[in-house]
Amino acid sequence: MALVYLGLGSNLGEREANLREALSRLRGKVELKRVSSIYETEPVGYKEQPWFLNLVCSGLTELSPRSLLQFIKKIEQEMGRVPSVRWGPRIIDIDILFYGDLIYSDDELTIPHPRIQERRFVLVPLAEIAPDLVHPVLGIKVRELLAEVEDKARVLKWREMEEADVRSNRVEAFRCRP
């Protein structure tokens, strides 16, 4: 099994409910291990849109990288994501950040995600659950990437996730602490 790190985001509809639903659907093929707090984040790139809620989770999967990509794209589609402007509003977005220490690239998928080190909204929740994880291309720990990131977009803690239900793989039963 591979240890994967996924980034989730939503800025349309019931944002927190969308994140919870995506986590619940992921557990069909990903055994969740850690889930960061939820963060409210300023949009990056396309600014004229609502703020996002973001989190990062880790888990074990038997899916290959390409199969995992197909699985998460299916979740996005089933939840109502429709193509829009790049970095635009979306009901749900799920990105593969890391797949073990794999380094891989083709026309549809690049692992590690090519912009991790540029995005505060990814690095803050990732550093919460895996500060000592080493980026396999850059050879730098996540905590160090966060300390060096030039992105100054606001990333505000929204809620802390209770992890007892992550361990039992019962994401639908998550409780949040304000």
C-alpha atoms as a PDB file:
ATOM      1  CA  MET A   1       0.000   0.000   0.000  1.00  0.00           C
ATOM      2  CA  ALA A   2       1.105   3.544  -0.704  1.00  0.00           C
ATOM      3  CA  LEU A   3       0.897   6.445   1.737  1.00  0.00           C
ATOM      4  CA  VAL A   4      -0.725   9.350  -0.092  1.00  0.00           C
ATOM      5  CA  TYR A   5      -1.351  12.969   0.813  1.00  0.00           C
ATOM      6  CA  LEU A   6      -4.367  14.667  -0.736  1.00  0.00           C
ATOM      7  CA  GLY A   7      -5.401  18.318  -0.719  1.00  0.00           C
ATOM      8  CA  LEU A   8      -9.126  19.120  -0.674  1.00  0.00           C
ATOM      9  CA  GLY A   9     -10.811  22.457  -1.275  1.00  0.00           C
ATOM     10  CA  SER A  10     -14.285  23.915  -1.766  1.00  0.00           C
ATOM     11  CA  ASN A  11     -15.645  27.425  -2.234  1.00  0.00           C
ATOM     12  CA  LEU A  12     -19.172  26.833  -3.535  1.00  0.00           C
ATOM     13  CA  GLY A  13     -22.287  25.745  -1.667  1.00  0.00           C
ATOM     14  CA  GLU A  14     -21.925  24.278   1.804  1.00  0.00           C
ATOM     15  CA  ARG A  15     -18.136  24.274   1.795  1.00  0.00           C
ATOM     16  CA  GLU A  16     -17.556  22.316   5.007  1.00  0.00           C
ATOM     17  CA  ALA A  17     -20.219  19.752   4.101  1.00  0.00           C
ATOM     18  CA  ASN A  18     -18.560  19.352   0.695  1.00  0.00           C
ATOM     19  CA  LEU A  19     -15.215  18.569   2.339  1.00  0.00           C
ATOM     20  CA  ARG A  20     -16.837  16.056   4.677  1.00  0.00           C
ATOM     21  CA  GLU A  21     -18.667  14.375   1.788  1.00  0.00           C
ATOM     22  CA  ALA A  22     -15.455  14.113  -0.227  1.00  0.00           C
ATOM     23  CA  LEU A  23     -13.625  12.572   2.750  1.00  0.00           C
ATOM     24  CA  SER A  24     -16.443  10.089   3.186  1.00  0.00           C
ATOM     25  CA  ARG A  25     -16.288   9.111  -0.487  1.00  0.00           C
ATOM     26  CA  LEU A  26     -12.500   8.809  -0.435  1.00  0.00           C
ATOM     27  CA  ARG A  27     -12.657   6.151   2.252  1.00  0.00           C
ATOM     28  CA  GLY A  28     -13.957   3.719  -0.386  1.00  0.00           C
ATOM     29  CA  LYS A  29     -10.401   3.386  -1.692  1.00  0.00           C
ATOM     30  CA  VAL A  30      -8.240   5.319   0.780  1.00  0.00           C
ATOM     31  CA  GLU A  31      -7.781   4.260   4.411  1.00  0.00           C
ATOM     32  CA  LEU A  32      -7.568   7.690   6.031  1.00  0.00           C
ATOM     33  CA  LYS A  33      -4.849   8.148   8.647  1.00  0.00           C
ATOM     34  CA  ARG A  34      -4.662  11.888   9.368  1.00  0.00           C
ATOM     35  CA  VAL A  35      -6.902  14.832   8.551  1.00  0.00           C
ATOM     36  CA  SER A  36      -5.749  18.394   9.138  1.00  0.00           C
ATOM     37  CA  SER A  37      -7.850  21.156  10.558  1.00  0.00           C
ATOM     38  CA  ILE A  38     -10.038  22.969   8.062  1.00  0.00           C
ATOM     39  CA  TYR A  39      -8.649  26.328   6.952  1.00  0.00           C
ATOM     40  CA  GLU A  40     -10.422  29.239   5.311  1.00  0.00           C
ATOM     41  CA  THR A  41      -8.165  30.528   2.571  1.00  0.00           C
ATOM     42  CA  GLU A  42      -7.967  33.511   0.317  1.00  0.00           C
ATOM     43  CA  PRO A  43      -8.324  32.617  -3.395  1.00  0.00           C
ATOM     44  CA  VAL A  44      -5.076  32.377  -5.348  1.00  0.00           C
ATOM     45  CA  GLY A  45      -4.855  33.238  -9.027  1.00  0.00           C
ATOM     46  CA  TYR A  46      -8.460  34.125  -9.859  1.00  0.00           C
ATOM     47  CA  LYS A  47      -9.364  36.514  -7.004  1.00  0.00           C
ATOM     48  CA  GLU A  48     -13.004  37.375  -7.854  1.00  0.00           C
ATOM     49  CA  GLN A  49     -14.580  34.400  -6.102  1.00  0.00           C
ATOM     50  CA  PRO A  50     -15.561  33.257  -2.599  1.00  0.00           C
ATOM     51  CA  TRP A  51     -12.876  32.167  -0.139  1.00  0.00           C
ATOM     52  CA  PHE A  52     -12.083  28.457   0.017  1.00  0.00           C
ATOM     53  CA  LEU A  53     -12.157  25.939   2.811  1.00  0.00           C
ATOM     54  CA  ASN A  54      -9.133  23.638   2.523  1.00  0.00           C
ATOM     55  CA  LEU A  55      -7.679  20.648   4.321  1.00  0.00           C
ATOM     56  CA  VAL A  56      -5.050  17.981   3.751  1.00  0.00           C
ATOM     57  CA  CYS A  57      -5.436  14.303   4.560  1.00  0.00           C
ATOM     58  CA  SER A  58      -3.161  11.299   4.448  1.00  0.00           C
ATOM     59  CA  GLY A  59      -4.095   7.704   3.904  1.00  0.00           C
ATOM     60  CA  LEU A  60      -3.127   4.326   2.555  1.00  0.00           C
ATOM     61  CA  THR A  61      -4.287   3.085  -0.826  1.00  0.00           C
ATOM     62  CA  GLU A  62      -3.747   0.095  -3.074  1.00  0.00           C
ATOM     63  CA  LEU A  63      -4.675   2.157  -6.137  1.00  0.00           C
ATOM     64  CA  SER A  64      -1.979   3.062  -8.637  1.00  0.00           C
ATOM     65  CA  PRO A  65      -1.380   6.800  -9.098  1.00  0.00           C
ATOM     66  CA  ARG A  66      -3.419   6.870 -12.335  1.00  0.00           C
ATOM     67  CA  SER A  67      -6.250   4.841 -10.766  1.00  0.00           C
ATOM     68  CA  LEU A  68      -6.257   7.179  -7.761  1.00  0.00           C
ATOM     69  CA  LEU A  69      -6.528  10.164 -10.112  1.00  0.00           C
ATOM     70  CA  GLN A  70      -9.473   8.522 -11.911  1.00  0.00           C
ATOM     71  CA  PHE A  71     -11.108   7.763  -8.555  1.00  0.00           C
ATOM     72  CA  ILE A  72     -10.835  11.341  -7.269  1.00  0.00           C
ATOM     73  CA  LYS A  73     -12.000  12.806 -10.604  1.00  0.00           C
ATOM     74  CA  LYS A  74     -15.065  10.551 -10.370  1.00  0.00           C
ATOM     75  CA  ILE A  75     -15.768  11.847  -6.845  1.00  0.00           C
ATOM     76  CA  GLU A  76     -15.458  15.446  -8.065  1.00  0.00           C
ATOM     77  CA  GLN A  77     -17.823  14.778 -10.959  1.00  0.00           C
ATOM     78  CA  GLU A  78     -20.376  12.928  -8.804  1.00  0.00           C
ATOM     79  CA  MET A  79     -20.360  15.822  -6.333  1.00  0.00           C
ATOM     80  CA  GLY A  80     -21.221  18.259  -9.112  1.00  0.00           C
ATOM     81  CA  ARG A  81     -17.921  19.808 -10.126  1.00  0.00           C
ATOM     82  CA  VAL A  82     -18.109  21.324 -13.578  1.00  0.00           C
ATOM     83  CA  PRO A  83     -15.218  22.666 -15.659  1.00  0.00           C
ATOM     84  CA  SER A  84     -14.667  26.393 -15.174  1.00  0.00           C
ATOM     85  CA  VAL A  85     -11.887  28.953 -15.358  1.00  0.00           C
ATOM     86  CA  ARG A  86      -8.473  27.846 -14.141  1.00  0.00           C
ATOM     87  CA  TRP A  87      -8.245  28.249 -10.357  1.00  0.00           C
ATOM     88  CA  GLY A  88     -11.891  29.322 -10.402  1.00  0.00           C
ATOM     89  CA  PRO A  89     -14.782  28.463  -8.090  1.00  0.00           C
ATOM     90  CA  ARG A  90     -15.533  24.806  -7.473  1.00  0.00           C
ATOM     91  CA  ILE A  91     -17.787  22.695  -5.312  1.00  0.00           C
ATOM     92  CA  ILE A  92     -14.885  20.319  -4.636  1.00  0.00           C
ATOM     93  CA  ASP A  93     -11.272  19.994  -5.695  1.00  0.00           C
ATOM     94  CA  ILE A  94      -9.092  17.033  -4.756  1.00  0.00           C
ATOM     95  CA  ASP A  95      -5.385  17.041  -5.609  1.00  0.00           C
ATOM     96  CA  ILE A  96      -2.806  14.300  -5.200  1.00  0.00           C
ATOM     97  CA  LEU A  97       0.020  16.041  -3.346  1.00  0.00           C
ATOM     98  CA  PHE A  98       2.312  13.077  -2.686  1.00  0.00           C
ATOM     99  CA  TYR A  99       2.142   9.368  -3.491  1.00  0.00           C
ATOM    100  CA  GLY A 100       4.769   7.830  -1.235  1.00  0.00           C
ATOM    101  CA  ASP A 101       8.105   9.154  -2.443  1.00  0.00           C
ATOM    102  CA  LEU A 102       7.154   8.642  -6.094  1.00  0.00           C
ATOM    103  CA  ILE A 103       8.330  11.147  -8.682  1.00  0.00           C
ATOM    104  CA  TYR A 104       6.137  10.871 -11.783  1.00  0.00           C
ATOM    105  CA  SER A 105       4.888  13.016 -14.635  1.00  0.00           C
ATOM    106  CA  ASP A 106       2.764  12.546 -17.733  1.00  0.00           C
ATOM    107  CA  ASP A 107       0.254  14.696 -19.620  1.00  0.00           C
ATOM    108  CA  GLU A 108      -2.445  14.357 -16.910  1.00  0.00           C
ATOM    109  CA  LEU A 109      -0.630  13.824 -13.629  1.00  0.00           C
ATOM    110  CA  THR A 110       2.477  15.139 -11.911  1.00  0.00           C
ATOM    111  CA  ILE A 111       3.584  13.734  -8.550  1.00  0.00           C
ATOM    112  CA  PRO A 112       4.510  15.427  -6.301  1.00  0.00           C
ATOM    113  CA  HIS A 113       2.017  18.152  -7.147  1.00  0.00           C
ATOM    114  CA  PRO A 114       4.121  20.756  -8.977  1.00  0.00           C
ATOM    115  CA  ARG A 115       2.999  23.789  -6.947  1.00  0.00           C
ATOM    116  CA  ILE A 116       3.058  22.500  -3.348  1.00  0.00           C
ATOM    117  CA  GLN A 117       6.016  24.683  -2.421  1.00  0.00           C
ATOM    118  CA  GLU A 118       4.270  27.808  -3.792  1.00  0.00           C
ATOM    119  CA  ARG A 119       0.955  27.475  -1.961  1.00  0.00           C
ATOM    120  CA  ARG A 120       0.456  28.521   1.638  1.00  0.00           C
ATOM    121  CA  PHE A 121      -3.086  27.048   1.560  1.00  0.00           C
ATOM    122  CA  VAL A 122      -1.523  23.608   0.975  1.00  0.00           C
ATOM    123  CA  LEU A 123       1.560  23.958   3.165  1.00  0.00           C
ATOM    124  CA  VAL A 124      -0.221  25.140   6.334  1.00  0.00           C
ATOM    125  CA  PRO A 125      -2.535  22.093   6.662  1.00  0.00           C
ATOM    126  CA  LEU A 126       0.169  19.756   5.338  1.00  0.00           C
ATOM    127  CA  ALA A 127       2.638  21.018   7.957  1.00  0.00           C
ATOM    128  CA  GLU A 128      -0.005  20.408  10.633  1.00  0.00           C
ATOM    129  CA  ILE A 129      -0.170  16.670   9.887  1.00  0.00           C
ATOM    130  CA  ALA A 130       3.289  15.983   8.389  1.00  0.00           C
ATOM    131  CA  PRO A 131       5.819  18.712   9.254  1.00  0.00           C
ATOM    132  CA  ASP A 132       8.812  16.411   8.790  1.00  0.00           C
ATOM    133  CA  LEU A 133       7.683  14.923   5.474  1.00  0.00           C
ATOM    134  CA  VAL A 134      10.469  15.458   2.941  1.00  0.00           C
ATOM    135  CA  HIS A 135       9.543  16.633  -0.550  1.00  0.00           C
ATOM    136  CA  PRO A 136      11.085  13.907  -2.763  1.00  0.00           C
ATOM    137  CA  VAL A 137      12.158  16.318  -5.514  1.00  0.00           C
ATOM    138  CA  LEU A 138      13.305  19.277  -3.428  1.00  0.00           C
ATOM    139  CA  GLY A 139      14.735  17.279  -0.508  1.00  0.00           C
ATOM    140  CA  ILE A 140      13.239  19.782   1.947  1.00  0.00           C
ATOM    141  CA  LYS A 141      10.892  19.167   4.890  1.00  0.00           C
ATOM    142  CA  VAL A 142       7.353  20.541   4.668  1.00  0.00           C
ATOM    143  CA  ARG A 143       7.920  22.759   7.738  1.00  0.00           C
ATOM    144  CA  GLU A 144      10.897  24.345   5.955  1.00  0.00           C
ATOM    145  CA  LEU A 145       8.915  24.854   2.750  1.00  0.00           C
ATOM    146  CA  LEU A 146       6.254  26.651   4.784  1.00  0.00           C
ATOM    147  CA  ALA A 147       8.848  28.881   6.434  1.00  0.00           C
ATOM    148  CA  GLU A 148      10.244  29.817   3.007  1.00  0.00           C
ATOM    149  CA  VAL A 149       7.028  30.201   0.970  1.00  0.00           C
ATOM    150  CA  GLU A 150       6.629  33.585  -0.704  1.00  0.00           C
ATOM    151  CA  ASP A 151       2.830  33.277  -0.957  1.00  0.00           C
ATOM    152  CA  LYS A 152       1.311  35.656   1.591  1.00  0.00           C
ATOM    153  CA  ALA A 153      -2.364  34.791   0.981  1.00  0.00           C
ATOM    154  CA  ARG A 154      -4.332  34.530   4.218  1.00  0.00           C
ATOM    155  CA  VAL A 155      -4.881  31.046   5.656  1.00  0.00           C
ATOM    156  CA  LEU A 156      -7.101  31.089   8.752  1.00  0.00           C
ATOM    157  CA  LYS A 157      -7.947  28.087  10.920  1.00  0.00           C
ATOM    158  CA  TRP A 158     -11.671  27.356  10.531  1.00  0.00           C
ATOM    159  CA  ARG A 159     -12.121  24.199  12.631  1.00  0.00           C
ATOM    160  CA  GLU A 160     -10.070  21.370  14.095  1.00  0.00           C
ATOM    161  CA  MET A 161     -11.124  17.892  13.051  1.00  0.00           C
ATOM    162  CA  GLU A 162     -11.562  15.176  15.671  1.00  0.00           C
ATOM    163  CA  GLU A 163      -9.268  12.309  14.710  1.00  0.00           C
ATOM    164  CA  ALA A 164     -10.904   9.422  16.577  1.00  0.00           C
ATOM    165  CA  ASP A 165     -13.237   8.842  13.659  1.00  0.00           C
ATOM    166  CA  VAL A 166     -10.382   9.035  11.141  1.00  0.00           C
ATOM    167  CA  ARG A 167      -8.709   6.113  12.870  1.00  0.00           C
ATOM    168  CA  SER A 168     -11.909   4.087  12.653  1.00  0.00           C
ATOM    169  CA  ASN A 169     -12.399   5.244   9.036  1.00  0.00           C
ATOM    170  CA  ARG A 170     -15.798   6.751   9.926  1.00  0.00           C
ATOM    171  CA  VAL A 171     -15.433  10.161   8.309  1.00  0.00           C
ATOM    172  CA  GLU A 172     -19.171  10.725   8.102  1.00  0.00           C
ATOM    173  CA  ALA A 173     -19.222  10.838  11.908  1.00  0.00           C
ATOM    174  CA  PHE A 174     -16.578  13.577  12.267  1.00  0.00           C
ATOM    175  CA  ARG A 175     -17.200  16.093  14.975  1.00  0.00           C
ATOM    176  CA  CYS A 176     -15.627  19.503  14.735  1.00  0.00           C
ATOM    177  CA  ARG A 177     -14.288  21.716  17.466  1.00  0.00           C
ATOM    178  CA  PRO A 178     -14.737  25.456  16.866  1.00  0.00           C
END
